[in-house]
Amino acid sequence: MEQYTFERLWQELDNGYQIYYTYMNNRYLLTKLQSNCYSRELITEKEKNPHPKKLIVTLKSVKETFPYMEDIEYRV
């Protein structure tokens, strides 16, 4: 099976895909808004969750998180 790379993730975001992934036992949706601007939305609903529901992040932040992303899926 082919290794899923950050470059592929970045290209799929550029092509308009929405990326779902698991990070620290939480499910997120990642969407590109504009150049170097991404929306990270918390999908998992837990009663006591310290993570923000919506967050605007840079490509650098996405790249730092990428090695820890699990169960990556994408949708158009």
N, C-alpha and C. Protein backbone atom coordinates (compact mmCIF):
# COMPACT_ATOMS: atom_id res chain seq x y z
N MET A 1 0.84 -1.19 0.00
CA MET A 1 0.00 0.00 0.00
C MET A 1 0.89 1.25 0.00
N GLU A 2 0.48 2.23 -0.74
CA GLU A 2 1.25 3.47 -0.88
C GLU A 2 1.20 4.30 0.41
N GLN A 3 2.34 4.88 0.76
CA GLN A 3 2.43 5.75 1.94
C GLN A 3 1.70 7.07 1.66
N TYR A 4 0.82 7.48 2.56
CA TYR A 4 0.11 8.75 2.41
C TYR A 4 1.04 9.86 2.89
N THR A 5 1.38 10.77 1.98
CA THR A 5 2.36 11.81 2.28
C THR A 5 1.70 13.16 2.55
N PHE A 6 2.45 14.05 3.17
CA PHE A 6 1.96 15.40 3.40
C PHE A 6 1.72 16.11 2.07
N GLU A 7 2.58 15.87 1.08
CA GLU A 7 2.42 16.51 -0.22
C GLU A 7 1.10 16.13 -0.87
N ARG A 8 0.70 14.86 -0.71
CA ARG A 8 -0.59 14.41 -1.26
C ARG A 8 -1.74 15.09 -0.51
N LEU A 9 -1.65 15.16 0.80
CA LEU A 9 -2.67 15.85 1.60
C LEU A 9 -2.81 17.30 1.14
N TRP A 10 -1.68 17.96 0.99
CA TRP A 10 -1.66 19.37 0.58
C TRP A 10 -2.30 19.54 -0.80
N GLN A 11 -1.97 18.65 -1.74
CA GLN A 11 -2.53 18.71 -3.09
C GLN A 11 -4.05 18.47 -3.06
N GLU A 12 -4.50 17.53 -2.26
CA GLU A 12 -5.94 17.26 -2.17
C GLU A 12 -6.68 18.45 -1.57
N LEU A 13 -6.09 19.12 -0.59
CA LEU A 13 -6.70 20.34 -0.04
C LEU A 13 -6.75 21.43 -1.11
N ASP A 14 -5.68 21.57 -1.90
CA ASP A 14 -5.65 22.55 -3.00
C ASP A 14 -6.72 22.26 -4.05
N ASN A 15 -7.04 20.97 -4.23
CA ASN A 15 -8.03 20.57 -5.23
C ASN A 15 -9.47 20.63 -4.69
N GLY A 16 -9.64 21.13 -3.48
CA GLY A 16 -10.98 21.34 -2.94
C GLY A 16 -11.53 20.22 -2.09
N TYR A 17 -10.72 19.22 -1.79
CA TYR A 17 -11.19 18.13 -0.94
C TYR A 17 -11.24 18.58 0.52
N GLN A 18 -12.16 17.97 1.26
CA GLN A 18 -12.22 18.14 2.70
C GLN A 18 -11.61 16.89 3.31
N ILE A 19 -10.75 17.06 4.28
CA ILE A 19 -10.02 15.94 4.88
C ILE A 19 -10.54 15.69 6.30
N TYR A 20 -10.99 14.46 6.54
CA TYR A 20 -11.38 14.03 7.88
C TYR A 20 -10.24 13.22 8.46
N TYR A 21 -9.92 13.43 9.72
CA TYR A 21 -8.85 12.66 10.36
C TYR A 21 -9.06 12.60 11.86
N THR A 22 -8.37 11.66 12.49
CA THR A 22 -8.40 11.50 13.94
C THR A 22 -7.06 11.97 14.49
N TYR A 23 -7.12 12.78 15.54
CA TYR A 23 -5.93 13.30 16.21
C TYR A 23 -6.23 13.37 17.70
N MET A 24 -5.43 12.70 18.50
CA MET A 24 -5.62 12.66 19.95
C MET A 24 -7.04 12.23 20.33
N ASN A 25 -7.51 11.15 19.72
CA ASN A 25 -8.83 10.57 19.97
C ASN A 25 -10.00 11.48 19.63
N ASN A 26 -9.77 12.51 18.84
CA ASN A 26 -10.83 13.39 18.38
C ASN A 26 -10.86 13.37 16.85
N ARG A 27 -12.06 13.49 16.27
CA ARG A 27 -12.24 13.51 14.82
C ARG A 27 -12.34 14.96 14.38
N TYR A 28 -11.61 15.31 13.31
CA TYR A 28 -11.57 16.67 12.79
C TYR A 28 -11.88 16.71 11.30
N LEU A 29 -12.31 17.87 10.84
CA LEU A 29 -12.50 18.16 9.42
C LEU A 29 -11.58 19.31 9.07
N LEU A 30 -10.75 19.10 8.04
CA LEU A 30 -9.80 20.11 7.59
C LEU A 30 -10.18 20.57 6.20
N THR A 31 -10.29 21.89 6.01
CA THR A 31 -10.70 22.47 4.74
C THR A 31 -9.81 23.66 4.42
N LYS A 32 -9.43 23.80 3.16
CA LYS A 32 -8.65 24.97 2.76
C LYS A 32 -9.59 26.14 2.50
N LEU A 33 -9.31 27.29 3.10
CA LEU A 33 -10.12 28.49 2.90
C LEU A 33 -9.52 29.38 1.81
N GLN A 34 -8.22 29.62 1.91
CA GLN A 34 -7.48 30.39 0.92
C GLN A 34 -6.00 30.08 1.10
N SER A 35 -5.13 30.75 0.37
CA SER A 35 -3.71 30.45 0.44
C SER A 35 -3.20 30.56 1.88
N ASN A 36 -2.59 29.48 2.38
CA ASN A 36 -2.02 29.40 3.73
C ASN A 36 -3.05 29.63 4.84
N CYS A 37 -4.30 29.30 4.58
CA CYS A 37 -5.36 29.50 5.57
C CYS A 37 -6.32 28.30 5.52
N TYR A 38 -6.39 27.57 6.63
CA TYR A 38 -7.18 26.35 6.69
C TYR A 38 -8.11 26.39 7.89
N SER A 39 -9.25 25.72 7.75
CA SER A 39 -10.22 25.62 8.83
C SER A 39 -10.13 24.21 9.40
N ARG A 40 -9.96 24.11 10.72
CA ARG A 40 -9.95 22.82 11.41
C ARG A 40 -11.15 22.80 12.34
N GLU A 41 -12.10 21.91 12.07
CA GLU A 41 -13.34 21.84 12.84
C GLU A 41 -13.40 20.52 13.61
N LEU A 42 -13.68 20.61 14.89
CA LEU A 42 -13.81 19.43 15.74
C LEU A 42 -15.16 18.77 15.46
N ILE A 43 -15.12 17.50 15.05
CA ILE A 43 -16.34 16.75 14.74
C ILE A 43 -16.81 15.96 15.95
N THR A 44 -15.87 15.45 16.74
CA THR A 44 -16.18 14.64 17.92
C THR A 44 -16.87 15.51 18.98
N GLU A 45 -17.98 15.02 19.48
CA GLU A 45 -18.69 15.73 20.55
C GLU A 45 -18.47 14.99 21.86
N LYS A 46 -17.67 15.56 22.73
CA LYS A 46 -17.47 14.99 24.06
C LYS A 46 -17.86 16.04 25.09
N GLU A 47 -18.37 15.57 26.20
CA GLU A 47 -18.87 16.49 27.22
C GLU A 47 -17.78 17.42 27.75
N LYS A 48 -16.64 16.87 28.09
CA LYS A 48 -15.55 17.69 28.63
C LYS A 48 -14.38 17.64 27.65
N ASN A 49 -14.44 18.45 26.63
CA ASN A 49 -13.40 18.46 25.61
C ASN A 49 -12.74 19.84 25.59
N PRO A 50 -11.45 19.93 25.91
CA PRO A 50 -10.79 21.23 25.97
C PRO A 50 -10.41 21.81 24.61
N HIS A 51 -10.60 21.03 23.53
CA HIS A 51 -10.22 21.51 22.20
C HIS A 51 -11.28 22.46 21.63
N PRO A 52 -10.84 23.53 20.94
CA PRO A 52 -11.80 24.46 20.36
C PRO A 52 -12.60 23.80 19.23
N LYS A 53 -13.86 24.19 19.10
CA LYS A 53 -14.75 23.61 18.08
C LYS A 53 -14.28 23.97 16.67
N LYS A 54 -13.93 25.22 16.43
CA LYS A 54 -13.44 25.67 15.12
C LYS A 54 -12.18 26.48 15.33
N LEU A 55 -11.24 26.31 14.39
CA LEU A 55 -9.97 26.99 14.50
C LEU A 55 -9.45 27.27 13.10
N ILE A 56 -8.90 28.45 12.89
CA ILE A 56 -8.25 28.79 11.63
C ILE A 56 -6.75 28.56 11.85
N VAL A 57 -6.13 27.76 10.97
CA VAL A 57 -4.72 27.41 11.13
C VAL A 57 -3.96 27.68 9.85
N THR A 58 -2.64 27.73 9.96
CA THR A 58 -1.77 27.93 8.80
C THR A 58 -1.29 26.58 8.28
N LEU A 59 -0.67 26.61 7.11
CA LEU A 59 -0.10 25.39 6.54
C LEU A 59 0.97 24.81 7.45
N LYS A 60 1.74 25.65 8.11
CA LYS A 60 2.77 25.19 9.05
C LYS A 60 2.15 24.34 10.16
N SER A 61 1.03 24.78 10.70
CA SER A 61 0.33 24.04 11.75
C SER A 61 -0.17 22.70 11.23
N VAL A 62 -0.71 22.69 10.01
CA VAL A 62 -1.19 21.44 9.41
C VAL A 62 -0.01 20.48 9.24
N LYS A 63 1.12 21.00 8.77
CA LYS A 63 2.31 20.17 8.54
C LYS A 63 2.83 19.59 9.86
N GLU A 64 2.79 20.34 10.94
CA GLU A 64 3.24 19.86 12.25
C GLU A 64 2.32 18.77 12.80
N THR A 65 1.04 18.86 12.49
CA THR A 65 0.05 17.89 12.98
C THR A 65 0.05 16.61 12.15
N PHE A 66 0.42 16.71 10.87
CA PHE A 66 0.29 15.61 9.92
C PHE A 66 0.86 14.27 10.42
N PRO A 67 2.07 14.21 10.99
CA PRO A 67 2.59 12.91 11.42
C PRO A 67 1.74 12.19 12.46
N TYR A 68 0.87 12.90 13.13
CA TYR A 68 0.04 12.32 14.19
C TYR A 68 -1.40 12.07 13.76
N MET A 69 -1.72 12.40 12.51
CA MET A 69 -3.07 12.17 11.99
C MET A 69 -3.28 10.68 11.73
N GLU A 70 -4.46 10.18 12.09
CA GLU A 70 -4.82 8.78 11.87
C GLU A 70 -6.16 8.72 11.15
N ASP A 71 -6.45 7.59 10.54
CA ASP A 71 -7.74 7.34 9.86
C ASP A 71 -8.11 8.49 8.92
N ILE A 72 -7.21 8.87 8.04
CA ILE A 72 -7.43 9.98 7.12
C ILE A 72 -8.40 9.57 6.01
N GLU A 73 -9.43 10.38 5.81
CA GLU A 73 -10.41 10.20 4.74
C GLU A 73 -10.58 11.54 4.05
N TYR A 74 -10.96 11.52 2.78
CA TYR A 74 -11.24 12.79 2.13
C TYR A 74 -12.56 12.71 1.37
N ARG A 75 -13.20 13.86 1.23
CA ARG A 75 -14.47 13.99 0.52
C ARG A 75 -14.44 15.24 -0.32
N VAL A 76 -15.17 15.21 -1.42
CA VAL A 76 -15.23 16.35 -2.32
C VAL A 76 -16.19 17.38 -1.76
